[in-house]
Protein backbone atom coordinates (compact mmCIF):
# COMPACT_ATOMS: atom_id res chain seq x y z
CA MET A 1 15.64 -0.04 -15.94
CA SER A 2 13.67 -2.82 -14.62
CA ASP A 3 11.48 -0.83 -12.31
CA GLY A 4 10.38 1.62 -15.48
CA LEU A 5 11.70 4.72 -14.14
CA ASP A 6 14.73 6.50 -15.52
CA GLU A 7 16.82 8.93 -13.29
CA ALA A 8 14.45 11.99 -14.09
CA ASP A 9 11.26 9.87 -13.50
CA ALA A 10 12.79 8.64 -10.11
CA ARG A 11 13.50 11.97 -9.02
CA ILE A 12 9.97 13.35 -9.82
CA VAL A 13 8.56 10.34 -8.12
CA ALA A 14 10.75 10.82 -4.98
CA ALA A 15 9.88 14.56 -4.73
CA LEU A 16 6.17 13.72 -4.79
CA GLN A 17 6.65 10.98 -2.15
CA ALA A 18 8.06 13.64 0.20
CA ASP A 19 5.38 16.12 -0.46
CA GLY A 20 2.51 14.88 -2.44
CA ARG A 21 1.06 18.62 -2.70
CA ALA A 22 4.07 20.02 -4.19
CA GLU A 23 3.68 22.41 -7.00
CA LEU A 24 5.46 21.42 -10.38
CA LEU A 25 7.76 24.44 -9.79
CA ASP A 26 8.90 23.35 -6.34
CA ILE A 27 9.38 19.66 -7.89
CA ALA A 28 11.32 21.12 -10.77
CA ALA A 29 13.67 22.90 -8.11
CA GLU A 30 13.81 19.83 -6.36
CA THR A 31 14.68 17.65 -9.13
CA GLY A 32 16.80 20.22 -11.21
CA LEU A 33 14.49 19.62 -14.20
CA PRO A 34 12.63 22.53 -16.18
CA GLY A 35 9.17 22.82 -15.07
CA THR A 36 7.78 21.85 -18.36
CA THR A 37 9.78 18.63 -18.37
CA VAL A 38 8.55 17.75 -14.92
CA ARG A 39 4.88 18.71 -16.11
CA ASP A 40 5.04 16.25 -19.18
CA ARG A 41 6.68 13.41 -17.16
CA LEU A 42 4.33 13.73 -14.50
CA ALA A 43 1.58 13.46 -16.96
CA ALA A 44 3.19 10.58 -18.57
CA LEU A 45 3.71 8.74 -15.18
CA GLU A 46 0.11 9.18 -14.40
CA ASP A 47 -0.96 7.92 -17.77
CA ARG A 48 1.09 4.75 -17.35
CA GLY A 49 -0.23 4.27 -14.14
CA VAL A 50 3.09 4.58 -12.22
CA VAL A 51 1.64 7.69 -10.31
CA ARG A 52 -1.97 6.91 -9.23
CA GLY A 53 -3.36 10.12 -7.63
CA HIS A 54 -1.92 12.12 -4.55
CA THR A 55 -3.04 11.00 -1.14
CA VAL A 56 -2.58 11.79 2.50
CA ARG A 57 -1.15 9.64 5.27
CA VAL A 58 -3.36 9.09 8.19
CA ASP A 59 -2.54 8.34 11.77
CA TYR A 60 -5.00 5.69 12.17
CA ASP A 61 -4.53 5.09 15.89
CA ARG A 62 -5.31 9.02 16.18
CA ALA A 63 -8.26 8.53 13.67
CA GLY A 64 -9.78 5.90 16.12
CA TYR A 65 -8.59 2.72 14.47
CA ALA A 66 -6.40 1.42 17.30
CA CYS A 67 -6.62 -2.29 16.56
CA PRO A 68 -4.12 -3.15 13.71
CA VAL A 69 -4.34 -6.83 12.78
CA VAL A 70 -2.72 -9.21 10.32
CA ILE A 71 -4.68 -12.20 9.08
CA ARG A 72 -3.23 -15.36 7.38
CA LEU A 73 -5.69 -17.62 5.64
CA ARG A 74 -5.62 -21.18 4.10
CA VAL A 75 -8.25 -21.25 1.36
CA ALA A 76 -8.64 -24.06 -1.24
CA ASP A 77 -7.42 -22.75 -4.51
CA ASP A 78 -10.77 -22.55 -6.26
CA ALA A 79 -12.09 -20.23 -3.38
CA VAL A 80 -9.25 -17.75 -3.57
CA PRO A 81 -11.17 -15.38 -5.85
CA THR A 82 -14.32 -15.52 -3.69
CA VAL A 83 -12.50 -15.11 -0.35
CA THR A 84 -10.13 -12.22 -1.75
CA GLU A 85 -13.22 -10.28 -2.98
CA ARG A 86 -14.75 -10.76 0.42
CA LEU A 87 -11.71 -9.35 2.22
CA ARG A 88 -11.37 -6.45 -0.43
CA ASP A 89 -14.94 -5.55 0.25
CA CYS A 90 -14.24 -5.16 4.06
CA PRO A 91 -13.58 -1.38 4.55
CA ARG A 92 -11.46 -2.21 7.52
CA ILE A 93 -9.19 -4.28 5.35
CA HIS A 94 -6.61 -2.17 3.81
CA SER A 95 -4.33 -4.85 2.15
CA VAL A 96 -4.77 -8.23 0.84
CA TYR A 97 -1.88 -10.43 -0.78
CA GLU A 98 -2.03 -13.85 -2.34
CA LEU A 99 1.07 -15.87 -1.14
CA THR A 100 2.81 -19.12 -1.93
CA GLY A 101 3.21 -21.57 0.82
CA PRO A 102 0.64 -22.97 3.05
CA TRP A 103 -1.09 -19.66 4.06
CA ASN A 104 -2.06 -18.47 0.71
CA LEU A 105 -3.89 -15.21 1.71
CA PHE A 106 -2.63 -12.52 3.91
CA ALA A 107 -4.63 -9.48 4.94
CA VAL A 108 -3.74 -6.34 6.84
CA GLY A 109 -6.54 -4.32 8.52
CA ARG A 110 -7.62 -1.55 11.07
CA PHE A 111 -10.25 -1.92 13.55
CA ARG A 112 -11.83 0.54 15.83
CA SER A 113 -11.38 -2.16 18.65
CA ARG A 114 -10.65 -5.52 19.64
CA GLU A 115 -14.41 -6.42 19.89
CA GLU A 116 -15.10 -5.21 16.34
CA PHE A 117 -12.15 -7.24 15.06
CA ASP A 118 -13.59 -10.25 17.10
CA THR A 119 -16.96 -10.10 15.29
CA TYR A 120 -15.22 -9.71 11.92
CA CYS A 121 -12.97 -12.78 12.59
CA SER A 122 -15.85 -14.93 13.69
CA ARG A 123 -17.41 -14.54 10.39
CA LEU A 124 -14.02 -15.53 8.73
CA VAL A 125 -13.66 -18.82 10.87
CA THR A 126 -17.00 -19.83 10.25
CA ASP A 127 -16.88 -19.24 6.29
CA ALA A 128 -17.08 -22.56 4.31
CA ALA A 129 -14.70 -21.47 1.84
CA VAL A 130 -11.99 -20.75 4.63
CA GLU A 131 -9.98 -23.83 5.84
CA ALA A 132 -7.90 -22.05 8.53
CA VAL A 133 -7.39 -18.60 9.91
CA ASP A 134 -4.52 -17.36 11.94
CA VAL A 135 -4.50 -13.90 13.49
CA ASP A 136 -2.34 -11.34 15.26
CA VAL A 137 -3.23 -8.26 16.88
CA VAL A 138 -0.15 -5.93 16.14
CA ALA A 139 1.29 -5.08 19.50
CA GLU A 140 3.20 -2.16 18.26
CA THR A 141 3.23 -0.45 14.98
CA VAL A 142 6.98 0.31 13.94
CA LYS A 143 6.47 1.47 10.55
CA GLU A 144 3.20 1.83 8.51
CA GLY A 145 2.30 3.15 5.04
CA GLU A 146 5.68 4.68 4.22
CA PRO A 147 6.34 4.89 0.48
CA VAL A 148 8.87 2.74 -1.11
CA ALA A 149 11.67 5.09 -2.56
CA PRO A 150 12.45 4.57 -6.15
CA ARG A 151 16.05 3.68 -6.92
CA VAL A 152 17.58 6.96 -8.21
CA PRO A 153 20.72 6.35 -10.05
CA VAL A 154 23.63 7.90 -8.70
CA THR A 155 25.58 9.92 -11.50
CA PRO A 156 29.20 9.47 -10.83
CA ARG A 157 31.15 12.70 -10.26
CA GLU A 158 33.91 13.93 -12.40
């Protein structure tokens, strides 16, 4: 498969996405696979870097980070590594993407307040490596941080 998951691996990943704290025997019951198979396949998925730990999902509004933002930046090609490192080092920025097109960097972050974001943004717009910045404060979060479901092949019924 192009995504590197066969049907059994995809079922294991889907079960973990539903409950990252699930016990191996629960995953086995969910997937219909023997417990030893789940254990071995999960270890292989971790070794390959497909599964990179087990985490929690945080409600950032309730945690006090009520100012979500999206930031588009236009940066000279030779400055992209420097600016991406600065974005990556900011604890309030949780995603950074290099893009094609006129805006070559895209960042998503969560700040405690508009004032905190404005302070951060003022540093961005005065950064000599940054040619232009376009920002939006998110009006409403519709979907955030949901796992991408692996494609689980459907076995035809006989």
